[in-house]
Amino acid sequence: MLKKILLALIFAITAITNVAHAEDDMKTVASKAYVDTKIETKQLKIPAAGQPNVGAGETVMTYTATGNGQIGERGLYSDISNYDASTDGDKLITASALNATFTNLPTTPTTKLECANESDGCTLWTIVDQTAYARGLPDGYTRLEYIESRVPAADAYIDTGLNFNSDYIYEITYAKGGTNNAIMGARKNTDYTAQGNFSLTYRSNSTALYSSTTSGSSAVVFGDSIFGIQHTVKYQQSTSTLLFDGTNKWFSNWITNVEIPYNVYLFAFNMVGNAGGGRTEYVRIYSYSVKNINGTLIQNFVPAKNSANVLGMYDTVSGTFFTNAGGNDNFVAGPVAN
């Protein structure tokens, strides 16, 4: 009988001791019991899916940082043909919807460095061209698809402020509206047959580029150019490159090292410091860029207008707005670029 009483007392004391230890553990911040109990009340639980007007697999789990934070969900918007602001306004947009909606995002050419000898620890680097998506132009400027000039070249032209250089890579996209119209260029002689010539022009129904030879200057004719159709010319004298819509048209008798100490003009020729070239109808310029021999952008002109509706070409490299250098502000604006 005594043994049974002693055994019961031992069990009772042990139970009381265990309860005391558990209570003591709850008072100790670092104890397992305390952490398990407290963290359980703080655990965020993912709610059951219930986003209205979406099906299974069409929501994204989200976390809100306001207050104590809250896990929730956002619907996905993917059907661009059936937008409803009352149900779709707060959804996340999918890549497919974004791609289908924005087909003409503004871009700007740029360059990046790439390792040329990765196995040797990247001690050599190469410059690689790339295209970046841009926000467009700064506040106060609106990008246009093109600007055009319909008046004599001396009355409406852009002075690029940059001398012609044999090593530079010139690229221009344009359209013509008539015959015998100056598009761009620089000459160190008033005689177009003399040496020291770089000029892009219309000749009859074709586009031609004049460049220097050992005995003077000659022209390559690109063939018929339909009025209003865009064409692109890329020219680098020192590498014998003349691409017309991607096809090399370089003349075998052209020379590669003529320097012209005059700024290149757009919508006209710079003929020994004076604008000329004539115009019977419009010239449209969509883009114009200059790179150095390493392919680094020096100028990147895009058609634009400022907040006062003055038309010109905005250089995204220098942040400079180039307006008409002629006697009259006679440019015509193309549509606003998307």
C-alpha atoms as a PDB file:
ATOM      1  CA  MET A   1       0.000   0.000   0.000  1.00  0.00           C
ATOM      2  CA  LEU A   2       2.808   2.333   0.863  1.00  0.00           C
ATOM      3  CA  LYS A   3       4.487   1.632  -2.479  1.00  0.00           C
ATOM      4  CA  LYS A   4       1.313   2.592  -4.364  1.00  0.00           C
ATOM      5  CA  ILE A   5       1.066   5.866  -2.467  1.00  0.00           C
ATOM      6  CA  LEU A   6       4.704   6.727  -3.121  1.00  0.00           C
ATOM      7  CA  LEU A   7       4.338   5.908  -6.825  1.00  0.00           C
ATOM      8  CA  ALA A   8       1.278   8.152  -7.125  1.00  0.00           C
ATOM      9  CA  LEU A   9       3.109  10.976  -5.404  1.00  0.00           C
ATOM     10  CA  ILE A  10       6.062  10.612  -7.819  1.00  0.00           C
ATOM     11  CA  PHE A  11       3.729  10.832 -10.848  1.00  0.00           C
ATOM     12  CA  ALA A  12       2.003  13.893  -9.433  1.00  0.00           C
ATOM     13  CA  ILE A  13       5.281  15.665  -8.698  1.00  0.00           C
ATOM     14  CA  THR A  14       6.613  14.828 -12.175  1.00  0.00           C
ATOM     15  CA  ALA A  15       3.481  16.180 -13.829  1.00  0.00           C
ATOM     16  CA  ILE A  16       3.635  19.376 -11.790  1.00  0.00           C
ATOM     17  CA  THR A  17       7.336  19.729 -12.615  1.00  0.00           C
ATOM     18  CA  ASN A  18       6.683  19.274 -16.361  1.00  0.00           C
ATOM     19  CA  VAL A  19       3.939  21.900 -16.318  1.00  0.00           C
ATOM     20  CA  ALA A  20       6.271  24.282 -14.508  1.00  0.00           C
ATOM     21  CA  HIS A  21       8.998  23.663 -17.063  1.00  0.00           C
ATOM     22  CA  ALA A  22       6.543  24.301 -19.946  1.00  0.00           C
ATOM     23  CA  GLU A  23       5.435  27.553 -18.329  1.00  0.00           C
ATOM     24  CA  ASP A  24       9.061  28.558 -17.795  1.00  0.00           C
ATOM     25  CA  ASP A  25       9.844  27.768 -21.459  1.00  0.00           C
ATOM     26  CA  MET A  26       7.059  30.091 -22.548  1.00  0.00           C
ATOM     27  CA  LYS A  27       8.741  32.868 -20.587  1.00  0.00           C
ATOM     28  CA  THR A  28      12.053  32.315 -22.393  1.00  0.00           C
ATOM     29  CA  VAL A  29      12.076  34.123 -25.752  1.00  0.00           C
ATOM     30  CA  ALA A  30      14.725  31.826 -27.195  1.00  0.00           C
ATOM     31  CA  SER A  31      12.988  28.601 -26.186  1.00  0.00           C
ATOM     32  CA  LYS A  32      11.489  26.276 -28.793  1.00  0.00           C
ATOM     33  CA  ALA A  33       8.097  26.350 -27.122  1.00  0.00           C
ATOM     34  CA  TYR A  34       7.965  30.135 -27.208  1.00  0.00           C
ATOM     35  CA  VAL A  35       9.065  30.404 -30.846  1.00  0.00           C
ATOM     36  CA  ASP A  36       6.703  27.668 -32.061  1.00  0.00           C
ATOM     37  CA  THR A  37       3.734  29.192 -30.277  1.00  0.00           C
ATOM     38  CA  LYS A  38       4.347  32.802 -31.278  1.00  0.00           C
ATOM     39  CA  ILE A  39       5.336  32.171 -34.904  1.00  0.00           C
ATOM     40  CA  GLU A  40       2.243  30.071 -35.488  1.00  0.00           C
ATOM     41  CA  THR A  41       0.065  33.103 -34.837  1.00  0.00           C
ATOM     42  CA  LYS A  42       2.114  35.207 -37.283  1.00  0.00           C
ATOM     43  CA  GLN A  43       2.251  32.730 -40.156  1.00  0.00           C
ATOM     44  CA  LEU A  44       0.704  34.191 -43.327  1.00  0.00           C
ATOM     45  CA  LYS A  45      -1.565  31.772 -45.039  1.00  0.00           C
ATOM     46  CA  ILE A  46      -2.219  31.727 -48.776  1.00  0.00           C
ATOM     47  CA  PRO A  47      -5.935  32.309 -49.255  1.00  0.00           C
ATOM     48  CA  ALA A  48      -8.055  30.168 -51.480  1.00  0.00           C
ATOM     49  CA  ALA A  49      -8.248  31.366 -55.059  1.00  0.00           C
ATOM     50  CA  GLY A  50     -11.257  33.519 -55.642  1.00  0.00           C
ATOM     51  CA  GLN A  51     -10.352  36.297 -58.084  1.00  0.00           C
ATOM     52  CA  PRO A  52     -13.552  37.147 -59.956  1.00  0.00           C
ATOM     53  CA  ASN A  53     -13.829  36.704 -63.725  1.00  0.00           C
ATOM     54  CA  VAL A  54     -10.703  34.571 -64.090  1.00  0.00           C
ATOM     55  CA  GLY A  55     -10.204  30.831 -64.369  1.00  0.00           C
ATOM     56  CA  ALA A  56      -7.806  28.428 -62.719  1.00  0.00           C
ATOM     57  CA  GLY A  57      -4.161  29.248 -63.439  1.00  0.00           C
ATOM     58  CA  GLU A  58      -4.967  32.833 -64.462  1.00  0.00           C
ATOM     59  CA  THR A  59      -3.898  34.631 -61.283  1.00  0.00           C
ATOM     60  CA  VAL A  60      -0.601  35.624 -59.683  1.00  0.00           C
ATOM     61  CA  MET A  61       0.115  35.478 -55.942  1.00  0.00           C
ATOM     62  CA  THR A  62       0.939  38.939 -54.582  1.00  0.00           C
ATOM     63  CA  TYR A  63       2.148  40.456 -51.326  1.00  0.00           C
ATOM     64  CA  THR A  64       1.064  43.858 -50.023  1.00  0.00           C
ATOM     65  CA  ALA A  65       3.488  45.751 -47.798  1.00  0.00           C
ATOM     66  CA  THR A  66       0.871  47.979 -46.142  1.00  0.00           C
ATOM     67  CA  GLY A  67       0.152  47.342 -42.487  1.00  0.00           C
ATOM     68  CA  ASN A  68       1.324  43.883 -41.489  1.00  0.00           C
ATOM     69  CA  GLY A  69       1.425  42.711 -45.084  1.00  0.00           C
ATOM     70  CA  GLN A  70      -1.113  40.506 -46.801  1.00  0.00           C
ATOM     71  CA  ILE A  71      -0.850  37.691 -49.297  1.00  0.00           C
ATOM     72  CA  GLY A  72      -3.433  37.827 -52.030  1.00  0.00           C
ATOM     73  CA  GLU A  73      -3.799  37.388 -55.771  1.00  0.00           C
ATOM     74  CA  ARG A  74      -4.076  39.471 -58.940  1.00  0.00           C
ATOM     75  CA  GLY A  75      -5.787  38.443 -62.131  1.00  0.00           C
ATOM     76  CA  LEU A  76      -3.948  38.281 -65.474  1.00  0.00           C
ATOM     77  CA  TYR A  77      -5.018  40.276 -68.512  1.00  0.00           C
ATOM     78  CA  SER A  78      -4.235  38.510 -71.788  1.00  0.00           C
ATOM     79  CA  ASP A  79      -7.176  39.094 -74.160  1.00  0.00           C
ATOM     80  CA  ILE A  80      -6.452  42.449 -75.829  1.00  0.00           C
ATOM     81  CA  SER A  81      -9.623  42.224 -77.929  1.00  0.00           C
ATOM     82  CA  ASN A  82     -11.983  42.206 -74.936  1.00  0.00           C
ATOM     83  CA  TYR A  83     -10.873  44.813 -72.392  1.00  0.00           C
ATOM     84  CA  ASP A  84     -13.347  45.876 -69.691  1.00  0.00           C
ATOM     85  CA  ALA A  85     -12.080  48.607 -67.365  1.00  0.00           C
ATOM     86  CA  SER A  86     -14.464  47.545 -64.578  1.00  0.00           C
ATOM     87  CA  THR A  87     -13.015  44.031 -64.374  1.00  0.00           C
ATOM     88  CA  ASP A  88      -9.609  44.265 -66.079  1.00  0.00           C
ATOM     89  CA  GLY A  89      -8.287  47.605 -64.831  1.00  0.00           C
ATOM     90  CA  ASP A  90      -6.359  46.120 -61.881  1.00  0.00           C
ATOM     91  CA  LYS A  91      -4.997  43.021 -63.609  1.00  0.00           C
ATOM     92  CA  LEU A  92      -1.391  42.249 -64.491  1.00  0.00           C
ATOM     93  CA  ILE A  93      -0.681  42.280 -68.222  1.00  0.00           C
ATOM     94  CA  THR A  94       0.872  39.250 -69.898  1.00  0.00           C
ATOM     95  CA  ALA A  95       3.817  39.367 -72.290  1.00  0.00           C
ATOM     96  CA  SER A  96       1.642  38.181 -75.162  1.00  0.00           C
ATOM     97  CA  ALA A  97      -0.837  41.021 -74.644  1.00  0.00           C
ATOM     98  CA  LEU A  98       1.991  43.561 -74.372  1.00  0.00           C
ATOM     99  CA  ASN A  99       3.652  42.257 -77.524  1.00  0.00           C
ATOM    100  CA  ALA A 100       0.430  42.378 -79.512  1.00  0.00           C
ATOM    101  CA  THR A 101      -0.453  45.857 -78.305  1.00  0.00           C
ATOM    102  CA  PHE A 102       2.867  47.669 -78.714  1.00  0.00           C
ATOM    103  CA  THR A 103       4.178  46.838 -82.169  1.00  0.00           C
ATOM    104  CA  ASN A 104       6.154  50.031 -82.711  1.00  0.00           C
ATOM    105  CA  LEU A 105       7.955  50.898 -79.495  1.00  0.00           C
ATOM    106  CA  PRO A 106      10.498  53.713 -79.881  1.00  0.00           C
ATOM    107  CA  THR A 107      14.056  52.443 -80.189  1.00  0.00           C
ATOM    108  CA  THR A 108      17.493  53.943 -80.150  1.00  0.00           C
ATOM    109  CA  PRO A 109      20.692  52.394 -81.491  1.00  0.00           C
ATOM    110  CA  THR A 110      23.436  51.970 -78.912  1.00  0.00           C
ATOM    111  CA  THR A 111      26.458  49.806 -78.190  1.00  0.00           C
ATOM    112  CA  LYS A 112      27.628  47.451 -75.461  1.00  0.00           C
ATOM    113  CA  LEU A 113      30.899  45.801 -74.420  1.00  0.00           C
ATOM    114  CA  GLU A 114      31.285  42.039 -74.762  1.00  0.00           C
ATOM    115  CA  CYS A 115      34.151  39.892 -73.505  1.00  0.00           C
ATOM    116  CA  ALA A 116      36.308  38.758 -76.435  1.00  0.00           C
ATOM    117  CA  ASN A 117      38.432  36.180 -74.577  1.00  0.00           C
ATOM    118  CA  GLU A 118      36.372  34.751 -71.746  1.00  0.00           C
ATOM    119  CA  SER A 119      38.688  31.752 -71.314  1.00  0.00           C
ATOM    120  CA  ASP A 120      41.602  34.113 -70.582  1.00  0.00           C
ATOM    121  CA  GLY A 121      39.788  36.185 -67.987  1.00  0.00           C
ATOM    122  CA  CYS A 122      38.238  38.860 -70.245  1.00  0.00           C
ATOM    123  CA  THR A 123      41.303  40.994 -70.805  1.00  0.00           C
ATOM    124  CA  LEU A 124      39.980  41.990 -74.250  1.00  0.00           C
ATOM    125  CA  TRP A 125      36.588  43.513 -75.026  1.00  0.00           C
ATOM    126  CA  THR A 126      34.680  44.208 -78.239  1.00  0.00           C
ATOM    127  CA  ILE A 127      32.070  46.888 -78.993  1.00  0.00           C
ATOM    128  CA  VAL A 128      28.798  45.400 -80.261  1.00  0.00           C
ATOM    129  CA  ASP A 129      25.856  47.278 -81.772  1.00  0.00           C
ATOM    130  CA  GLN A 130      22.475  46.824 -80.156  1.00  0.00           C
ATOM    131  CA  THR A 131      19.023  48.380 -80.174  1.00  0.00           C
ATOM    132  CA  ALA A 132      17.475  49.591 -76.947  1.00  0.00           C
ATOM    133  CA  TYR A 133      13.854  50.458 -76.268  1.00  0.00           C
ATOM    134  CA  ALA A 134      13.651  54.110 -75.315  1.00  0.00           C
ATOM    135  CA  ARG A 135      11.084  56.270 -73.542  1.00  0.00           C
ATOM    136  CA  GLY A 136      11.089  58.482 -76.585  1.00  0.00           C
ATOM    137  CA  LEU A 137      12.085  62.132 -76.302  1.00  0.00           C
ATOM    138  CA  PRO A 138      12.301  64.363 -73.217  1.00  0.00           C
ATOM    139  CA  ASP A 139       9.290  66.271 -71.948  1.00  0.00           C
ATOM    140  CA  GLY A 140       8.417  69.114 -74.282  1.00  0.00           C
ATOM    141  CA  TYR A 141       9.278  67.195 -77.475  1.00  0.00           C
ATOM    142  CA  THR A 142       7.091  64.996 -79.649  1.00  0.00           C
ATOM    143  CA  ARG A 143       8.619  62.428 -81.955  1.00  0.00           C
ATOM    144  CA  LEU A 144       7.348  62.446 -85.544  1.00  0.00           C
ATOM    145  CA  GLU A 145       7.554  59.829 -88.249  1.00  0.00           C
ATOM    146  CA  TYR A 146       9.331  62.330 -90.491  1.00  0.00           C
ATOM    147  CA  ILE A 147       9.699  65.985 -91.340  1.00  0.00           C
ATOM    148  CA  GLU A 148       9.686  67.193 -94.924  1.00  0.00           C
ATOM    149  CA  SER A 149      10.697  70.272 -96.853  1.00  0.00           C
ATOM    150  CA  ARG A 150       8.947  71.525 -99.976  1.00  0.00           C
ATOM    151  CA  VAL A 151      10.728  74.826-100.504  1.00  0.00           C
ATOM    152  CA  PRO A 152      14.099  75.725-102.053  1.00  0.00           C
ATOM    153  CA  ALA A 153      16.883  73.969-100.191  1.00  0.00           C
ATOM    154  CA  ALA A 154      18.451  77.232 -99.047  1.00  0.00           C
ATOM    155  CA  ASP A 155      15.251  78.132 -97.151  1.00  0.00           C
ATOM    156  CA  ALA A 156      14.792  74.951 -95.127  1.00  0.00           C
ATOM    157  CA  TYR A 157      17.677  72.719 -94.119  1.00  0.00           C
ATOM    158  CA  ILE A 158      19.367  71.271 -91.035  1.00  0.00           C
ATOM    159  CA  ASP A 159      23.017  72.053 -90.289  1.00  0.00           C
ATOM    160  CA  THR A 160      24.252  68.949 -88.425  1.00  0.00           C
ATOM    161  CA  GLY A 161      27.206  70.881 -86.987  1.00  0.00           C
ATOM    162  CA  LEU A 162      29.578  68.038 -87.886  1.00  0.00           C
ATOM    163  CA  ASN A 163      32.181  68.060 -90.667  1.00  0.00           C
ATOM    164  CA  PHE A 164      32.245  65.232 -93.173  1.00  0.00           C
ATOM    165  CA  ASN A 165      34.793  62.542 -92.244  1.00  0.00           C
ATOM    166  CA  SER A 166      35.882  59.594 -94.409  1.00  0.00           C
ATOM    167  CA  ASP A 167      35.871  57.218 -91.444  1.00  0.00           C
ATOM    168  CA  TYR A 168      32.377  58.089 -90.241  1.00  0.00           C
ATOM    169  CA  ILE A 169      29.441  55.805 -90.979  1.00  0.00           C
ATOM    170  CA  TYR A 170      26.484  57.819 -92.292  1.00  0.00           C
ATOM    171  CA  GLU A 171      23.008  56.300 -92.422  1.00  0.00           C
ATOM    172  CA  ILE A 172      19.819  58.043 -93.542  1.00  0.00           C
ATOM    173  CA  THR A 173      16.268  56.893 -94.237  1.00  0.00           C
ATOM    174  CA  TYR A 174      14.331  59.186 -96.562  1.00  0.00           C
ATOM    175  CA  ALA A 175      11.634  59.424 -99.226  1.00  0.00           C
ATOM    176  CA  LYS A 176      11.442  61.628-102.266  1.00  0.00           C
ATOM    177  CA  GLY A 177       8.591  63.531-103.844  1.00  0.00           C
ATOM    178  CA  GLY A 178      10.107  65.004-106.970  1.00  0.00           C
ATOM    179  CA  THR A 179      13.155  65.251-109.213  1.00  0.00           C
ATOM    180  CA  ASN A 180      16.536  66.937-108.792  1.00  0.00           C
ATOM    181  CA  ASN A 181      16.169  67.435-105.060  1.00  0.00           C
ATOM    182  CA  ALA A 182      19.014  67.643-102.539  1.00  0.00           C
ATOM    183  CA  ILE A 183      18.720  65.148 -99.694  1.00  0.00           C
ATOM    184  CA  MET A 184      21.993  65.666 -97.793  1.00  0.00           C
ATOM    185  CA  GLY A 185      25.679  66.283 -98.275  1.00  0.00           C
ATOM    186  CA  ALA A 186      28.769  68.452 -98.168  1.00  0.00           C
ATOM    187  CA  ARG A 187      31.028  69.729-100.959  1.00  0.00           C
ATOM    188  CA  LYS A 188      34.295  71.647-100.844  1.00  0.00           C
ATOM    189  CA  ASN A 189      33.760  72.837-104.418  1.00  0.00           C
ATOM    190  CA  THR A 190      30.746  74.469-106.013  1.00  0.00           C
ATOM    191  CA  ASP A 191      31.347  72.346-109.100  1.00  0.00           C
ATOM    192  CA  TYR A 192      29.733  68.952-108.457  1.00  0.00           C
ATOM    193  CA  THR A 193      32.184  67.287-110.868  1.00  0.00           C
ATOM    194  CA  ALA A 194      35.226  68.401-108.838  1.00  0.00           C
ATOM    195  CA  GLN A 195      36.948  66.322-106.179  1.00  0.00           C
ATOM    196  CA  GLY A 196      35.753  66.776-102.617  1.00  0.00           C
ATOM    197  CA  ASN A 197      32.153  65.674-102.977  1.00  0.00           C
ATOM    198  CA  PHE A 198      29.688  63.781-100.805  1.00  0.00           C
ATOM    199  CA  SER A 199      26.083  64.431-101.757  1.00  0.00           C
ATOM    200  CA  LEU A 200      22.898  62.409-101.961  1.00  0.00           C
ATOM    201  CA  THR A 201      20.344  63.702-104.463  1.00  0.00           C
ATOM    202  CA  TYR A 202      17.513  62.840-106.835  1.00  0.00           C
ATOM    203  CA  ARG A 203      18.422  62.768-110.479  1.00  0.00           C
ATOM    204  CA  SER A 204      15.421  62.383-112.783  1.00  0.00           C
ATOM    205  CA  ASN A 205      13.455  59.466-111.306  1.00  0.00           C
ATOM    206  CA  SER A 206      16.408  57.936-109.495  1.00  0.00           C
ATOM    207  CA  THR A 207      18.452  58.569-106.391  1.00  0.00           C
ATOM    208  CA  ALA A 208      22.166  59.151-106.895  1.00  0.00           C
ATOM    209  CA  LEU A 209      25.159  59.603-104.625  1.00  0.00           C
ATOM    210  CA  TYR A 210      28.111  61.707-105.757  1.00  0.00           C
ATOM    211  CA  SER A 211      31.557  60.914-104.375  1.00  0.00           C
ATOM    212  CA  SER A 212      35.135  61.826-105.225  1.00  0.00           C
ATOM    213  CA  THR A 213      37.454  60.124-107.706  1.00  0.00           C
ATOM    214  CA  THR A 214      41.133  60.813-108.442  1.00  0.00           C
ATOM    215  CA  SER A 215      40.114  63.042-111.328  1.00  0.00           C
ATOM    216  CA  GLY A 216      37.008  64.688-109.895  1.00  0.00           C
ATOM    217  CA  SER A 217      33.621  63.313-108.879  1.00  0.00           C
ATOM    218  CA  SER A 218      31.204  60.747-110.244  1.00  0.00           C
ATOM    219  CA  ALA A 219      27.780  59.424-109.271  1.00  0.00           C
ATOM    220  CA  VAL A 220      26.257  56.034-108.723  1.00  0.00           C
ATOM    221  CA  VAL A 221      22.582  55.841-109.654  1.00  0.00           C
ATOM    222  CA  PHE A 222      20.479  53.505-107.557  1.00  0.00           C
ATOM    223  CA  GLY A 223      17.651  53.035-110.041  1.00  0.00           C
ATOM    224  CA  ASP A 224      14.011  54.010-109.895  1.00  0.00           C
ATOM    225  CA  SER A 225      12.806  55.373-106.582  1.00  0.00           C
ATOM    226  CA  ILE A 226       9.049  55.529-106.250  1.00  0.00           C
ATOM    227  CA  PHE A 227       7.735  58.782-104.819  1.00  0.00           C
ATOM    228  CA  GLY A 228       6.902  58.511-101.128  1.00  0.00           C
ATOM    229  CA  ILE A 229       8.658  55.150-100.600  1.00  0.00           C
ATOM    230  CA  GLN A 230      11.296  54.945 -97.863  1.00  0.00           C
ATOM    231  CA  HIS A 231      14.880  54.100 -98.780  1.00  0.00           C
ATOM    232  CA  THR A 232      17.969  53.767 -96.606  1.00  0.00           C
ATOM    233  CA  VAL A 233      21.517  54.697 -97.580  1.00  0.00           C
ATOM    234  CA  LYS A 234      24.528  53.705 -95.471  1.00  0.00           C
ATOM    235  CA  TYR A 235      27.870  55.219 -96.487  1.00  0.00           C
ATOM    236  CA  GLN A 236      31.419  54.883 -95.140  1.00  0.00           C
ATOM    237  CA  GLN A 237      34.070  56.180 -97.510  1.00  0.00           C
ATOM    238  CA  SER A 238      37.166  54.686 -95.835  1.00  0.00           C
ATOM    239  CA  THR A 239      35.798  51.123 -96.060  1.00  0.00           C
ATOM    240  CA  SER A 240      34.346  51.432 -99.581  1.00  0.00           C
ATOM    241  CA  THR A 241      30.838  50.909 -98.256  1.00  0.00           C
ATOM    242  CA  LEU A 242      27.740  52.274 -99.942  1.00  0.00           C
ATOM    243  CA  LEU A 243      24.595  50.316 -99.146  1.00  0.00           C
ATOM    244  CA  PHE A 244      21.313  51.224-100.802  1.00  0.00           C
ATOM    245  CA  ASP A 245      18.488  49.299 -99.111  1.00  0.00           C
ATOM    246  CA  GLY A 246      21.095  46.736 -98.053  1.00  0.00           C
ATOM    247  CA  THR A 247      22.793  46.249-101.459  1.00  0.00           C
ATOM    248  CA  ASN A 248      26.383  47.448-101.916  1.00  0.00           C
ATOM    249  CA  LYS A 249      26.596  50.040-104.731  1.00  0.00           C
ATOM    250  CA  TRP A 250      30.183  51.246-104.269  1.00  0.00           C
ATOM    251  CA  PHE A 251      31.835  52.609-107.419  1.00  0.00           C
ATOM    252  CA  SER A 252      35.209  51.036-108.193  1.00  0.00           C
ATOM    253  CA  ASN A 253      36.785  54.369-109.190  1.00  0.00           C
ATOM    254  CA  TRP A 254      35.854  56.205-105.998  1.00  0.00           C
ATOM    255  CA  ILE A 255      38.632  57.090-103.555  1.00  0.00           C
ATOM    256  CA  THR A 256      38.444  56.481 -99.828  1.00  0.00           C
ATOM    257  CA  ASN A 257      40.345  59.320 -98.174  1.00  0.00           C
ATOM    258  CA  VAL A 258      38.829  62.656 -99.210  1.00  0.00           C
ATOM    259  CA  GLU A 259      38.147  65.018 -96.307  1.00  0.00           C
ATOM    260  CA  ILE A 260      35.588  67.808 -96.642  1.00  0.00           C
ATOM    261  CA  PRO A 261      36.011  70.644 -94.095  1.00  0.00           C
ATOM    262  CA  TYR A 262      32.328  71.579 -94.124  1.00  0.00           C
ATOM    263  CA  ASN A 263      29.373  70.454 -92.025  1.00  0.00           C
ATOM    264  CA  VAL A 264      26.977  67.962 -93.538  1.00  0.00           C
ATOM    265  CA  TYR A 265      23.549  69.489 -94.239  1.00  0.00           C
ATOM    266  CA  LEU A 266      20.232  67.645 -94.330  1.00  0.00           C
ATOM    267  CA  PHE A 267      17.609  68.639 -96.945  1.00  0.00           C
ATOM    268  CA  ALA A 268      20.413  70.467 -98.815  1.00  0.00           C
ATOM    269  CA  PHE A 269      24.094  70.342 -99.759  1.00  0.00           C
ATOM    270  CA  ASN A 270      26.662  72.392 -97.917  1.00  0.00           C
ATOM    271  CA  MET A 271      28.523  73.886-100.861  1.00  0.00           C
ATOM    272  CA  VAL A 272      31.552  75.684 -99.437  1.00  0.00           C
ATOM    273  CA  GLY A 273      29.463  77.015 -96.549  1.00  0.00           C
ATOM    274  CA  ASN A 274      26.278  77.805 -98.463  1.00  0.00           C
ATOM    275  CA  ALA A 275      23.116  75.711 -98.695  1.00  0.00           C
ATOM    276  CA  GLY A 276      22.089  74.619-102.162  1.00  0.00           C
ATOM    277  CA  GLY A 277      20.844  71.744-104.248  1.00  0.00           C
ATOM    278  CA  GLY A 278      17.438  72.930-105.341  1.00  0.00           C
ATOM    279  CA  ARG A 279      14.082  71.298-104.813  1.00  0.00           C
ATOM    280  CA  THR A 280      11.051  70.777-107.043  1.00  0.00           C
ATOM    281  CA  GLU A 281       9.010  68.825-104.497  1.00  0.00           C
ATOM    282  CA  TYR A 282       9.275  67.392-100.996  1.00  0.00           C
ATOM    283  CA  VAL A 283      12.088  65.549 -99.263  1.00  0.00           C
ATOM    284  CA  ARG A 284      11.175  63.502 -96.203  1.00  0.00           C
ATOM    285  CA  ILE A 285      13.757  62.370 -93.664  1.00  0.00           C
ATOM    286  CA  TYR A 286      12.760  59.641 -91.205  1.00  0.00           C
ATOM    287  CA  SER A 287      16.095  59.154 -89.420  1.00  0.00           C
ATOM    288  CA  TYR A 288      19.760  60.080 -89.640  1.00  0.00           C
ATOM    289  CA  SER A 289      22.746  58.780 -87.690  1.00  0.00           C
ATOM    290  CA  VAL A 290      26.534  59.061 -87.658  1.00  0.00           C
ATOM    291  CA  LYS A 291      28.952  56.588 -86.061  1.00  0.00           C
ATOM    292  CA  ASN A 292      32.709  56.732 -85.744  1.00  0.00           C
ATOM    293  CA  ILE A 293      35.003  54.090 -87.219  1.00  0.00           C
ATOM    294  CA  ASN A 294      34.521  51.927 -84.097  1.00  0.00           C
ATOM    295  CA  GLY A 295      30.753  51.962 -84.499  1.00  0.00           C
ATOM    296  CA  THR A 296      30.065  54.304 -81.589  1.00  0.00           C
ATOM    297  CA  LEU A 297      27.163  56.703 -82.113  1.00  0.00           C
ATOM    298  CA  ILE A 298      28.175  60.334 -82.586  1.00  0.00           C
ATOM    299  CA  GLN A 299      24.777  61.646 -83.693  1.00  0.00           C
ATOM    300  CA  ASN A 300      21.314  60.096 -83.802  1.00  0.00           C
ATOM    301  CA  PHE A 301      18.709  62.447 -85.284  1.00  0.00           C
ATOM    302  CA  VAL A 302      14.983  61.777 -85.018  1.00  0.00           C
ATOM    303  CA  PRO A 303      12.251  64.039 -86.447  1.00  0.00           C
ATOM    304  CA  ALA A 304      10.458  65.996 -83.748  1.00  0.00           C
ATOM    305  CA  LYS A 305       8.584  69.117 -82.754  1.00  0.00           C
ATOM    306  CA  ASN A 306       8.906  71.059 -79.527  1.00  0.00           C
ATOM    307  CA  SER A 307       6.176  72.477 -77.306  1.00  0.00           C
ATOM    308  CA  ALA A 308       6.044  75.613 -79.488  1.00  0.00           C
ATOM    309  CA  ASN A 309       5.426  73.395 -82.580  1.00  0.00           C
ATOM    310  CA  VAL A 310       8.833  74.252 -84.041  1.00  0.00           C
ATOM    311  CA  LEU A 311       9.967  71.384 -86.284  1.00  0.00           C
ATOM    312  CA  GLY A 312      13.451  69.928 -86.455  1.00  0.00           C
ATOM    313  CA  MET A 313      15.649  66.933 -85.698  1.00  0.00           C
ATOM    314  CA  TYR A 314      16.370  65.913 -82.092  1.00  0.00           C
ATOM    315  CA  ASP A 315      19.804  64.395 -81.476  1.00  0.00           C
ATOM    316  CA  THR A 316      19.385  61.718 -78.803  1.00  0.00           C
ATOM    317  CA  VAL A 317      23.164  61.530 -78.265  1.00  0.00           C
ATOM    318  CA  SER A 318      23.791  65.180 -77.361  1.00  0.00           C
ATOM    319  CA  GLY A 319      20.240  66.097 -76.335  1.00  0.00           C
ATOM    320  CA  THR A 320      20.273  68.954 -78.865  1.00  0.00           C
ATOM    321  CA  PHE A 321      17.303  70.070 -80.959  1.00  0.00           C
ATOM    322  CA  PHE A 322      18.412  71.095 -84.459  1.00  0.00           C
ATOM    323  CA  THR A 323      15.977  73.451 -86.173  1.00  0.00           C
ATOM    324  CA  ASN A 324      15.856  75.104 -89.590  1.00  0.00           C
ATOM    325  CA  ALA A 325      19.090  76.903 -90.453  1.00  0.00           C
ATOM    326  CA  GLY A 326      17.566  78.549 -93.545  1.00  0.00           C
ATOM    327  CA  GLY A 327      15.659  81.776 -93.955  1.00  0.00           C
ATOM    328  CA  ASN A 328      12.172  80.384 -93.306  1.00  0.00           C
ATOM    329  CA  ASP A 329      10.681  77.803 -90.960  1.00  0.00           C
ATOM    330  CA  ASN A 330       9.187  75.865 -93.864  1.00  0.00           C
ATOM    331  CA  PHE A 331       9.208  72.278 -92.680  1.00  0.00           C
ATOM    332  CA  VAL A 332       6.063  70.133 -92.764  1.00  0.00           C
ATOM    333  CA  ALA A 333       5.361  67.702 -89.906  1.00  0.00           C
ATOM    334  CA  GLY A 334       4.704  64.052 -90.518  1.00  0.00           C
ATOM    335  CA  PRO A 335       2.374  62.042 -88.262  1.00  0.00           C
ATOM    336  CA  VAL A 336       3.216  61.613 -84.597  1.00  0.00           C
ATOM    337  CA  ALA A 337       5.295  58.461 -84.197  1.00  0.00           C
ATOM    338  CA  ASN A 338       3.708  55.610 -82.244  1.00  0.00           C
END
